């Protein structure tokens, strides 16, 4: 068995319906592609984190807040700056004059959904404080370890245009994000929809209704563990990962940790799509968002301006896709 529990908390149909109600509600406030919103939901369901590389003003804050509000979770936005210290994120011990003792004042990371805005503007030590908390799901201050709330999801952003005064995340830190995606500009229809929606309401920022309880989100996070992965799909995942390591444009391929996160992501997508088994499309569609940022390209590839995404596509093109009738 892949899970010690007797049965999942929901049927596949019920889980799909719950996920659909969440995305439908968010789409009422945010103009974004279905693939983008699905990728964020994959991050939530797989108990991992996402990195968005995009220009300002595309709706990242609204998206993160809408996810939190839709499922009744606490939201916090952290604007990273070059002078930010780790304690500004995690919190610190503050002396209480009345009790004549130190008390821990929690930082903004003690929320369910965190928008880490412009993460690459913070110095490496501050970046590490966030990334360590993301991995450990806890914060250590003054010898005391404090658990972060559940569920816990970090949506970090980087501006790809303005690089002056930034501290680029090294590959070892990028590897801690399950997904790297971009929101992008809307198409013409989307731009017009933004105008029409703004004219139809009396406030600047749209809002969403809470449609799920936090406990339901935690139950949905259990669902991927019940998703079956056929032997041929397992071999397909391994083939993809190993091919990245031997690709002629790559110095460093996907790590074992990256491979596990890839597997967790494709199982989460199966849940969102109403299945208790993984199909090749789950693997193919998530290969780019979950693997490309983990690659280190060689100098020749950089000179030729080869992209990581192009390398992943080349890897997929090289590998035979398992036939559905053989699964």
Protein backbone atom coordinates (compact mmCIF):
# COMPACT_ATOMS: atom_id res chain seq x y z
CA UNK A 1 0.00 0.00 0.00
CA UNK A 2 1.13 3.56 -0.67
CA UNK A 3 -0.64 4.86 2.42
CA UNK A 4 -1.17 3.29 5.83
CA UNK A 5 -4.66 4.76 6.14
CA UNK A 6 -7.55 2.61 5.03
CA UNK A 7 -9.15 5.13 2.72
CA UNK A 8 -8.75 8.73 1.52
CA UNK A 9 -10.76 11.52 3.17
CA UNK A 10 -12.70 12.21 -0.07
CA UNK A 11 -13.67 10.40 -3.21
CA UNK A 12 -11.79 11.47 -6.33
CA UNK A 13 -14.96 13.11 -7.64
CA UNK A 14 -15.45 15.06 -4.41
CA UNK A 15 -11.81 16.18 -4.32
CA UNK A 16 -12.01 17.37 -7.92
CA UNK A 17 -15.22 19.29 -7.17
CA UNK A 18 -13.66 20.99 -4.13
CA UNK A 19 -10.60 22.01 -6.13
CA UNK A 20 -12.81 23.32 -8.92
CA UNK A 21 -14.86 25.48 -6.53
CA UNK A 22 -11.62 27.04 -5.27
CA UNK A 23 -10.28 27.87 -8.73
CA UNK A 24 -13.70 29.10 -9.90
CA UNK A 25 -13.91 31.50 -6.95
CA UNK A 26 -10.36 32.78 -7.51
CA UNK A 27 -11.04 33.27 -11.22
CA UNK A 28 -13.85 35.61 -10.20
CA UNK A 29 -11.20 38.00 -8.84
CA UNK A 30 -8.04 37.18 -10.80
CA UNK A 31 -7.53 37.15 -14.55
CA UNK A 32 -5.06 34.30 -15.04
CA UNK A 33 -4.69 31.14 -17.07
CA UNK A 34 -6.11 27.87 -15.81
CA UNK A 35 -2.62 26.34 -15.98
CA UNK A 36 -1.18 29.04 -13.71
CA UNK A 37 -3.87 28.67 -11.04
CA UNK A 38 -3.64 24.89 -11.25
CA UNK A 39 0.12 25.04 -10.69
CA UNK A 40 -0.39 27.02 -7.47
CA UNK A 41 -3.02 24.56 -6.31
CA UNK A 42 -0.55 21.76 -7.03
CA UNK A 43 1.86 23.52 -4.68
CA UNK A 44 -0.74 23.76 -1.92
CA UNK A 45 -1.89 20.14 -2.24
CA UNK A 46 1.66 18.78 -2.34
CA UNK A 47 2.54 20.79 0.81
CA UNK A 48 5.29 22.57 -1.06
CA UNK A 49 6.06 26.09 -2.28
CA UNK A 50 6.08 28.05 -5.53
CA UNK A 51 8.26 30.76 -7.08
CA UNK A 52 6.83 33.25 -9.56
CA UNK A 53 9.19 35.19 -11.80
CA UNK A 54 7.16 38.06 -13.21
CA UNK A 55 7.00 41.82 -13.61
CA UNK A 56 5.10 43.98 -11.09
CA UNK A 57 1.40 44.62 -11.48
CA UNK A 58 0.28 41.29 -12.91
CA UNK A 59 -1.82 40.33 -9.88
CA UNK A 60 0.46 38.18 -7.74
CA UNK A 61 -0.61 39.73 -4.43
CA UNK A 62 -4.28 39.50 -5.36
CA UNK A 63 -3.83 35.86 -6.35
CA UNK A 64 -2.11 34.87 -3.10
CA UNK A 65 -4.64 36.76 -0.97
CA UNK A 66 -7.53 35.26 -2.94
CA UNK A 67 -6.25 31.73 -2.35
CA UNK A 68 -6.04 32.41 1.39
CA UNK A 69 -9.46 34.07 1.63
CA UNK A 70 -11.17 31.38 -0.43
CA UNK A 71 -10.14 28.64 1.98
CA UNK A 72 -10.22 30.66 5.21
CA UNK A 73 -6.47 30.81 5.80
CA UNK A 74 -4.40 33.61 7.32
CA UNK A 75 -2.41 35.62 4.76
CA UNK A 76 0.69 37.77 5.13
CA UNK A 77 2.74 39.68 2.59
CA UNK A 78 6.45 40.21 3.23
CA UNK A 79 8.17 42.85 1.10
CA UNK A 80 11.85 41.91 1.00
CA UNK A 81 14.46 44.69 0.99
CA UNK A 82 18.29 44.78 1.13
CA UNK A 83 18.30 45.90 4.78
CA UNK A 84 15.93 43.19 6.02
CA UNK A 85 17.15 40.91 8.82
CA UNK A 86 16.12 37.30 9.52
CA UNK A 87 14.34 38.43 12.70
CA UNK A 88 12.12 40.70 10.59
CA UNK A 89 10.65 37.51 9.13
CA UNK A 90 10.77 34.96 11.92
CA UNK A 91 10.28 37.23 14.93
CA UNK A 92 12.45 37.73 18.00
CA UNK A 93 12.50 37.65 21.78
CA UNK A 94 11.33 40.99 23.22
CA UNK A 95 11.81 42.02 26.83
CA UNK A 96 8.53 42.49 28.68
CA UNK A 97 8.88 45.16 31.39
CA UNK A 98 5.79 43.97 33.28
CA UNK A 99 6.86 40.34 33.55
CA UNK A 100 10.57 41.13 33.56
CA UNK A 101 11.15 38.37 31.10
CA UNK A 102 11.65 37.84 27.40
CA UNK A 103 8.64 36.90 25.30
CA UNK A 104 8.67 35.74 21.72
CA UNK A 105 7.06 38.17 19.29
CA UNK A 106 6.06 36.22 16.20
CA UNK A 107 7.13 37.52 12.81
CA UNK A 108 4.99 37.66 9.67
CA UNK A 109 6.02 34.14 8.65
CA UNK A 110 3.55 32.79 11.20
CA UNK A 111 0.68 32.69 8.72
CA UNK A 112 -0.76 29.98 6.50
CA UNK A 113 -0.06 31.61 3.15
CA UNK A 114 2.93 33.91 2.70
CA UNK A 115 3.62 36.13 -0.29
CA UNK A 116 7.40 36.67 -0.24
CA UNK A 117 7.63 39.67 -2.56
CA UNK A 118 10.96 40.33 -4.33
CA UNK A 119 12.79 37.58 -2.46
CA UNK A 120 15.97 38.23 -4.45
CA UNK A 121 16.24 41.74 -2.96
CA UNK A 122 16.98 40.35 0.50
CA UNK A 123 20.56 39.49 1.52
CA UNK A 124 21.49 35.78 1.50
CA UNK A 125 21.25 35.37 5.29
CA UNK A 126 17.66 36.63 5.26
CA UNK A 127 16.79 34.49 2.25
CA UNK A 128 18.16 31.47 4.10
CA UNK A 129 15.97 32.19 7.13
CA UNK A 130 12.86 32.00 4.97
CA UNK A 131 14.01 28.97 2.99
CA UNK A 132 14.96 27.05 6.12
CA UNK A 133 11.55 27.74 7.62
CA UNK A 134 9.93 26.59 4.36
CA UNK A 135 11.74 23.27 4.53
CA UNK A 136 11.55 22.58 8.26
CA UNK A 137 8.06 24.06 8.81
CA UNK A 138 9.43 25.54 12.03
CA UNK A 139 11.42 28.50 13.35
CA UNK A 140 14.25 28.39 15.90
CA UNK A 141 14.79 31.47 18.07
CA UNK A 142 16.98 31.62 21.18
CA UNK A 143 17.28 27.84 21.40
CA UNK A 144 13.52 27.35 21.19
CA UNK A 145 11.80 25.69 18.24
CA UNK A 146 8.34 26.92 17.29
CA UNK A 147 6.15 25.14 14.76
CA UNK A 148 4.65 27.08 11.88
CA UNK A 149 0.89 26.84 11.32
CA UNK A 150 -0.68 24.19 9.11
CA UNK A 151 -1.22 24.38 6.24
CA UNK A 152 1.80 26.46 5.27
CA UNK A 153 2.43 27.68 1.72
CA UNK A 154 5.00 30.22 0.50
CA UNK A 155 4.53 31.99 -2.81
CA UNK A 156 7.76 33.86 -3.52
CA UNK A 157 8.30 36.33 -6.36
CA UNK A 158 11.24 37.65 -8.35
CA UNK A 159 11.27 40.53 -10.80
CA UNK A 160 13.14 39.34 -13.92
CA UNK A 161 13.70 42.89 -15.23
CA UNK A 162 15.27 44.83 -12.37
CA UNK A 163 18.45 43.03 -11.29
CA UNK A 164 20.39 45.96 -9.83
CA UNK A 165 20.81 45.61 -6.09
CA UNK A 166 19.56 42.03 -6.01
CA UNK A 167 20.96 38.81 -4.56
CA UNK A 168 20.11 36.05 -7.04
CA UNK A 169 18.99 32.81 -5.45
CA UNK A 170 21.60 30.06 -5.92
CA UNK A 171 20.46 26.78 -7.47
CA UNK A 172 20.59 25.06 -4.08
CA UNK A 173 17.98 27.53 -2.82
CA UNK A 174 15.88 27.42 -5.99
CA UNK A 175 15.75 23.65 -5.52
CA UNK A 176 13.62 24.17 -2.42
CA UNK A 177 10.72 25.46 -4.52
CA UNK A 178 8.63 22.69 -6.02
CA UNK A 179 7.37 24.94 -8.81
CA UNK A 180 8.65 27.93 -10.71
CA UNK A 181 6.04 29.59 -12.88
CA UNK A 182 4.98 32.94 -14.28
CA UNK A 183 1.66 34.69 -14.40
CA UNK A 184 2.32 36.72 -17.52
CA UNK A 185 0.25 39.47 -19.08
CA UNK A 186 -3.37 38.64 -19.95
CA UNK A 187 -4.40 38.43 -23.59
CA UNK A 188 -6.60 41.14 -25.12
CA UNK A 189 -9.78 39.44 -23.89
CA UNK A 190 -8.32 39.31 -20.38
CA UNK A 191 -7.35 42.99 -20.46
CA UNK A 192 -10.87 43.90 -21.50
CA UNK A 193 -12.29 41.69 -18.75
CA UNK A 194 -10.20 43.57 -16.17
CA UNK A 195 -11.66 46.88 -17.39
CA UNK A 196 -15.23 45.56 -17.38
CA UNK A 197 -14.93 44.07 -13.91
CA UNK A 198 -13.46 47.29 -12.47
CA UNK A 199 -16.32 49.35 -13.90
CA UNK A 200 -18.87 46.94 -12.44
CA UNK A 201 -17.75 47.32 -8.81
CA UNK A 202 -17.40 50.27 -6.42
CA UNK A 203 -14.03 49.32 -4.92
CA UNK A 204 -10.57 49.14 -6.45
CA UNK A 205 -9.67 45.60 -5.43
CA UNK A 206 -11.95 42.59 -6.04
CA UNK A 207 -12.71 40.18 -3.22
CA UNK A 208 -13.62 36.52 -2.93
CA UNK A 209 -15.87 34.56 -0.58
CA UNK A 210 -14.67 31.83 1.74
CA UNK A 211 -15.96 28.54 0.36
CA UNK A 212 -13.82 25.97 2.19
CA UNK A 213 -12.70 25.51 5.78
CA UNK A 214 -8.99 25.22 6.60
CA UNK A 215 -9.60 21.66 7.82
CA UNK A 216 -10.82 20.74 4.33
CA UNK A 217 -7.55 21.98 2.84
CA UNK A 218 -5.59 19.78 5.24
CA UNK A 219 -7.73 16.81 4.19
CA UNK A 220 -7.18 17.61 0.52
CA UNK A 221 -3.44 17.61 1.20
CA UNK A 222 -3.75 13.96 2.23
CA UNK A 223 -5.28 12.95 -1.10
CA UNK A 224 -2.08 12.76 -3.23
CA UNK A 225 -0.75 10.00 -0.96
CA UNK A 226 -3.54 7.74 -2.22
CA UNK A 227 -2.76 8.34 -5.91
CA UNK A 228 -1.40 5.25 -7.68
CA UNK A 229 1.73 5.58 -9.81
CA UNK A 230 2.09 2.76 -12.34
CA UNK A 231 5.47 1.09 -12.89
CA UNK A 232 5.74 2.56 -16.38
CA UNK A 233 5.05 6.07 -15.05
CA UNK A 234 7.71 5.58 -12.39
CA UNK A 235 10.22 4.58 -15.06
CA UNK A 236 9.13 7.57 -17.17
CA UNK A 237 9.85 9.96 -14.29
CA UNK A 238 13.25 8.37 -13.65
CA UNK A 239 14.11 8.50 -17.36
CA UNK A 240 13.31 12.22 -17.50
CA UNK A 241 15.38 13.03 -14.42
CA UNK A 242 18.37 10.95 -15.47
CA UNK A 243 18.33 12.42 -18.97
CA UNK A 244 18.64 15.94 -17.50
CA UNK A 245 21.82 14.83 -15.73
CA UNK A 246 23.44 13.65 -18.94
CA UNK A 247 22.18 16.37 -21.28
CA UNK A 248 24.94 18.05 -23.28
CA UNK A 249 23.75 21.55 -22.27
CA UNK A 250 23.59 20.80 -18.54
CA UNK A 251 26.30 20.93 -15.88
CA UNK A 252 24.02 19.93 -13.00
CA UNK A 253 20.78 18.04 -13.55
CA UNK A 254 17.78 17.34 -11.36
CA UNK A 255 18.65 16.13 -7.85
CA UNK A 256 17.00 13.22 -6.02
CA UNK A 257 15.10 15.79 -3.95
CA UNK A 258 13.90 17.46 -7.14
CA UNK A 259 12.74 14.09 -8.46
CA UNK A 260 10.68 13.45 -5.33
CA UNK A 261 9.09 16.89 -5.54
CA UNK A 262 8.30 16.21 -9.20
CA UNK A 263 6.54 12.98 -8.22
CA UNK A 264 4.58 14.71 -5.45
CA UNK A 265 3.48 17.42 -7.88
CA UNK A 266 2.19 15.00 -10.51
CA UNK A 267 0.22 13.10 -7.87
CA UNK A 268 -1.33 16.38 -6.70
CA UNK A 269 -2.34 17.22 -10.27
CA UNK A 270 -4.07 13.85 -10.56
CA UNK A 271 -6.18 14.76 -7.51
CA UNK A 272 -7.10 18.14 -9.00
CA UNK A 273 -8.12 16.37 -12.21
CA UNK A 274 -10.33 13.87 -10.36
CA UNK A 275 -8.15 10.78 -10.64
CA UNK A 276 -6.54 8.36 -8.20
CA UNK A 277 -3.82 7.48 -10.70
CA UNK A 278 -1.16 9.40 -12.63
CA UNK A 279 -1.21 9.62 -16.43
CA UNK A 280 1.64 10.68 -18.75
CA UNK A 281 0.08 14.12 -19.28
CA UNK A 282 0.50 14.88 -15.56
CA UNK A 283 4.21 14.22 -15.95
CA UNK A 284 4.67 16.08 -19.24
CA UNK A 285 2.73 19.19 -18.21
CA UNK A 286 4.53 19.59 -14.89
CA UNK A 287 8.04 18.73 -16.08
CA UNK A 288 8.79 22.34 -17.07
CA UNK A 289 7.46 24.11 -13.95
CA UNK A 290 8.95 21.58 -11.52
CA UNK A 291 12.30 20.74 -13.13
CA UNK A 292 13.60 23.63 -15.26
CA UNK A 293 14.70 25.89 -12.38
CA UNK A 294 16.75 23.04 -10.90
CA UNK A 295 19.12 22.84 -13.87
CA UNK A 296 22.54 24.47 -14.09
CA UNK A 297 23.39 25.03 -17.75
CA UNK A 298 26.95 24.86 -19.05
CA UNK A 299 28.81 27.91 -20.35
CA UNK A 300 28.24 27.04 -24.02
CA UNK A 301 24.48 26.83 -23.49
CA UNK A 302 24.50 30.20 -21.73
CA UNK A 303 26.45 31.78 -24.59
CA UNK A 304 23.96 30.36 -27.07
CA UNK A 305 21.13 31.68 -24.84
CA UNK A 306 19.63 28.23 -24.45
CA UNK A 307 16.85 28.29 -21.85
CA UNK A 308 16.24 25.73 -19.14
CA UNK A 309 12.71 25.31 -20.45
CA UNK A 310 14.07 24.42 -23.89
CA UNK A 311 16.32 21.79 -22.32
CA UNK A 312 13.38 20.18 -20.50
CA UNK A 313 11.39 20.13 -23.74
CA UNK A 314 14.33 18.50 -25.50
CA UNK A 315 14.51 15.89 -22.75
CA UNK A 316 10.79 15.13 -23.11
CA UNK A 317 11.19 14.82 -26.87
CA UNK A 318 13.91 12.20 -26.41
CA UNK A 319 11.90 9.88 -24.17
CA UNK A 320 9.14 7.53 -25.25
CA UNK A 321 5.85 8.33 -23.53
CA UNK A 322 4.12 5.36 -21.87
CA UNK A 323 0.99 4.26 -23.72
CA UNK A 324 -2.23 4.77 -21.78
CA UNK A 325 -3.49 1.28 -22.67
CA UNK A 326 -0.42 -0.24 -21.03
CA UNK A 327 -0.96 1.41 -17.64
